[in-house]
Amino acid sequence: MVGKKGHKLRTIAYTKTFQKDYRRMAAAGRYDMTLVNQMGGLLIAHTSQIVLAAEWKDHGLTADSEWDEGDRDVHLGGDFVLIYRIDPHPDDGSMEIVILKRLGTHSELFG
C-alpha cells in the first residue's frame, strides 16, 4: 500500500511487553489511549522525525542494558511515553516495520 507522498506505508508490530503495557494503561483510565493510535498512524505514514520532534518530543535513546541502538522515545502528553523503533521489514527489504516496544510513564520506563 502506498501513502500520499508515494512512500510504501510501514507495517506495525507490537512486542508482548507493549501489549501488556497498553492493557494496563487503558485499564487505569488516566491516559488518552487514542494518542497511541494517532502516533501509530503517524509512524506508519512516514511522518518526518523533524515533525515528530517538534510536536511530540521524539528523540533517540542511548543504547544501554535496557534500550537498543535505534530505539526512540516519543511523549504522547505530559508523562505518557511510547518507546518504538523502525527497522527494515524482515520479509520485504524494500519496506520498513514500526515496532512498538513499551508504553508507560517516564518514571515507570526510566526509573
C-alpha atoms as a PDB file:
ATOM      1  CA  MET A   1       0.000   0.000   0.000  1.00  0.00           C
ATOM      2  CA  VAL A   2       1.311   3.462  -0.885  1.00  0.00           C
ATOM      3  CA  GLY A   3       0.748   6.629   1.144  1.00  0.00           C
ATOM      4  CA  LYS A   4       0.036  10.169  -0.092  1.00  0.00           C
ATOM      5  CA  LYS A   5       3.677  11.039  -0.729  1.00  0.00           C
ATOM      6  CA  GLY A   6       4.420   7.872  -2.713  1.00  0.00           C
ATOM      7  CA  HIS A   7       6.131   6.024   0.150  1.00  0.00           C
ATOM      8  CA  LYS A   8       5.145   2.454   0.882  1.00  0.00           C
ATOM      9  CA  LEU A   9       3.330   2.503   4.204  1.00  0.00           C
ATOM     10  CA  ARG A  10       5.259   0.885   7.003  1.00  0.00           C
ATOM     11  CA  THR A  11       3.816  -2.119   8.771  1.00  0.00           C
ATOM     12  CA  ILE A  12       3.430  -2.177  12.526  1.00  0.00           C
ATOM     13  CA  ALA A  13       4.220  -4.780  15.182  1.00  0.00           C
ATOM     14  CA  TYR A  14       3.829  -4.863  18.943  1.00  0.00           C
ATOM     15  CA  THR A  15       6.039  -6.558  21.500  1.00  0.00           C
ATOM     16  CA  LYS A  16       4.309  -8.661  24.153  1.00  0.00           C
ATOM     17  CA  THR A  17       5.563  -6.168  26.723  1.00  0.00           C
ATOM     18  CA  PHE A  18       3.935  -3.299  24.822  1.00  0.00           C
ATOM     19  CA  GLN A  19       0.631  -5.195  24.641  1.00  0.00           C
ATOM     20  CA  LYS A  20       0.743  -5.777  28.398  1.00  0.00           C
ATOM     21  CA  ASP A  21       1.629  -2.092  28.984  1.00  0.00           C
ATOM     22  CA  TYR A  22      -1.261  -0.991  26.717  1.00  0.00           C
ATOM     23  CA  ARG A  23      -3.821  -3.106  28.563  1.00  0.00           C
ATOM     24  CA  ARG A  24      -2.539  -1.837  31.938  1.00  0.00           C
ATOM     25  CA  MET A  25      -2.602   1.824  30.885  1.00  0.00           C
ATOM     26  CA  ALA A  26      -6.049   1.505  29.273  1.00  0.00           C
ATOM     27  CA  ALA A  27      -7.466  -0.147  32.398  1.00  0.00           C
ATOM     28  CA  ALA A  28      -6.066   2.640  34.583  1.00  0.00           C
ATOM     29  CA  GLY A  29      -8.205   5.128  32.631  1.00  0.00           C
ATOM     30  CA  ARG A  30      -5.850   8.051  33.319  1.00  0.00           C
ATOM     31  CA  TYR A  31      -4.357   8.358  29.825  1.00  0.00           C
ATOM     32  CA  ASP A  32      -5.792   9.186  26.409  1.00  0.00           C
ATOM     33  CA  MET A  33      -5.199   5.904  24.566  1.00  0.00           C
ATOM     34  CA  THR A  34      -6.316   7.457  21.258  1.00  0.00           C
ATOM     35  CA  LEU A  35      -2.924   9.216  21.266  1.00  0.00           C
ATOM     36  CA  VAL A  36      -1.226   5.814  20.924  1.00  0.00           C
ATOM     37  CA  ASN A  37      -3.335   5.044  17.834  1.00  0.00           C
ATOM     38  CA  GLN A  38      -2.686   8.508  16.428  1.00  0.00           C
ATOM     39  CA  MET A  39       1.076   8.108  16.869  1.00  0.00           C
ATOM     40  CA  GLY A  40       0.980   4.654  15.242  1.00  0.00           C
ATOM     41  CA  GLY A  41      -0.712   6.220  12.220  1.00  0.00           C
ATOM     42  CA  LEU A  42       1.909   8.966  12.003  1.00  0.00           C
ATOM     43  CA  LEU A  43       4.737   6.435  12.219  1.00  0.00           C
ATOM     44  CA  ILE A  44       3.422   4.115   9.506  1.00  0.00           C
ATOM     45  CA  ALA A  45       2.773   7.114   7.219  1.00  0.00           C
ATOM     46  CA  HIS A  46       6.456   8.200   7.257  1.00  0.00           C
ATOM     47  CA  THR A  47       5.903  11.400   9.236  1.00  0.00           C
ATOM     48  CA  SER A  48       9.300  13.093   9.375  1.00  0.00           C
ATOM     49  CA  GLN A  49      11.410  12.952  12.523  1.00  0.00           C
ATOM     50  CA  ILE A  50      11.525  16.780  12.464  1.00  0.00           C
ATOM     51  CA  VAL A  51       7.731  16.994  12.781  1.00  0.00           C
ATOM     52  CA  LEU A  52       7.660  14.298  15.459  1.00  0.00           C
ATOM     53  CA  ALA A  53      10.463  16.016  17.395  1.00  0.00           C
ATOM     54  CA  ALA A  54       8.726  19.397  17.299  1.00  0.00           C
ATOM     55  CA  GLU A  55       5.224  18.244  18.174  1.00  0.00           C
ATOM     56  CA  TRP A  56       5.799  15.050  20.181  1.00  0.00           C
ATOM     57  CA  LYS A  57       9.332  15.469  21.629  1.00  0.00           C
ATOM     58  CA  ASP A  58      10.537  12.451  19.618  1.00  0.00           C
ATOM     59  CA  HIS A  59      14.210  11.600  20.203  1.00  0.00           C
ATOM     60  CA  GLY A  60      16.591   8.668  20.097  1.00  0.00           C
ATOM     61  CA  LEU A  61      17.535   6.771  23.242  1.00  0.00           C
ATOM     62  CA  THR A  62      21.053   5.967  24.350  1.00  0.00           C
ATOM     63  CA  ALA A  63      21.743   2.257  23.970  1.00  0.00           C
ATOM     64  CA  ASP A  64      22.301   0.570  27.327  1.00  0.00           C
ATOM     65  CA  SER A  65      21.292  -2.617  29.118  1.00  0.00           C
ATOM     66  CA  GLU A  66      17.584  -1.822  28.679  1.00  0.00           C
ATOM     67  CA  TRP A  67      17.349   0.041  25.341  1.00  0.00           C
ATOM     68  CA  ASP A  68      18.790  -0.971  21.991  1.00  0.00           C
ATOM     69  CA  GLU A  69      20.509   1.259  19.459  1.00  0.00           C
ATOM     70  CA  GLY A  70      17.751   2.663  17.264  1.00  0.00           C
ATOM     71  CA  ASP A  71      15.098   2.789  20.000  1.00  0.00           C
ATOM     72  CA  ARG A  72      13.203   6.081  20.138  1.00  0.00           C
ATOM     73  CA  ASP A  73      11.070   7.839  22.761  1.00  0.00           C
ATOM     74  CA  VAL A  74       8.016   9.963  21.961  1.00  0.00           C
ATOM     75  CA  HIS A  75       5.960  11.888  24.532  1.00  0.00           C
ATOM     76  CA  LEU A  76       2.236  11.425  23.990  1.00  0.00           C
ATOM     77  CA  GLY A  77       1.308  14.020  26.575  1.00  0.00           C
ATOM     78  CA  GLY A  78       2.787  15.004  29.892  1.00  0.00           C
ATOM     79  CA  ASP A  79       4.455  11.957  31.411  1.00  0.00           C
ATOM     80  CA  PHE A  80       2.896   9.461  28.913  1.00  0.00           C
ATOM     81  CA  VAL A  81       5.715   7.908  26.830  1.00  0.00           C
ATOM     82  CA  LEU A  82       5.894   5.471  23.891  1.00  0.00           C
ATOM     83  CA  ILE A  83       9.114   3.598  23.052  1.00  0.00           C
ATOM     84  CA  TYR A  84       9.422   2.398  19.460  1.00  0.00           C
ATOM     85  CA  ARG A  85      11.899   1.609  16.712  1.00  0.00           C
ATOM     86  CA  ILE A  86      11.830   1.454  12.921  1.00  0.00           C
ATOM     87  CA  ASP A  87      13.626  -1.463  11.252  1.00  0.00           C
ATOM     88  CA  PRO A  88      13.787  -2.993   7.776  1.00  0.00           C
ATOM     89  CA  HIS A  89      10.900  -5.411   7.337  1.00  0.00           C
ATOM     90  CA  PRO A  90      12.184  -8.995   7.854  1.00  0.00           C
ATOM     91  CA  ASP A  91      10.121 -10.374   4.942  1.00  0.00           C
ATOM     92  CA  ASP A  92      10.432  -7.495   2.458  1.00  0.00           C
ATOM     93  CA  GLY A  93      13.650  -5.467   2.489  1.00  0.00           C
ATOM     94  CA  SER A  94      12.013  -2.681   0.467  1.00  0.00           C
ATOM     95  CA  MET A  95       9.642  -1.942   3.368  1.00  0.00           C
ATOM     96  CA  GLU A  96      10.057  -0.838   6.963  1.00  0.00           C
ATOM     97  CA  ILE A  97       8.360  -2.022  10.134  1.00  0.00           C
ATOM     98  CA  VAL A  98       7.479   0.088  13.180  1.00  0.00           C
ATOM     99  CA  ILE A  99       7.887  -1.906  16.383  1.00  0.00           C
ATOM    100  CA  LEU A 100       6.064  -0.530  19.418  1.00  0.00           C
ATOM    101  CA  LYS A 101       8.152  -1.717  22.368  1.00  0.00           C
ATOM    102  CA  ARG A 102       6.929  -0.093  25.596  1.00  0.00           C
ATOM    103  CA  LEU A 103       4.259   2.288  26.860  1.00  0.00           C
ATOM    104  CA  GLY A 104       4.064   3.956  30.230  1.00  0.00           C
ATOM    105  CA  THR A 105       5.010   6.913  32.361  1.00  0.00           C
ATOM    106  CA  HIS A 106       8.500   8.313  32.248  1.00  0.00           C
ATOM    107  CA  SER A 107       9.191   7.122  35.794  1.00  0.00           C
ATOM    108  CA  GLU A 108       7.937   3.587  35.023  1.00  0.00           C
ATOM    109  CA  LEU A 109      10.098   3.253  31.930  1.00  0.00           C
ATOM    110  CA  PHE A 110      13.245   5.065  33.046  1.00  0.00           C
ATOM    111  CA  GLY A 111      13.201   4.598  36.791  1.00  0.00           C
END
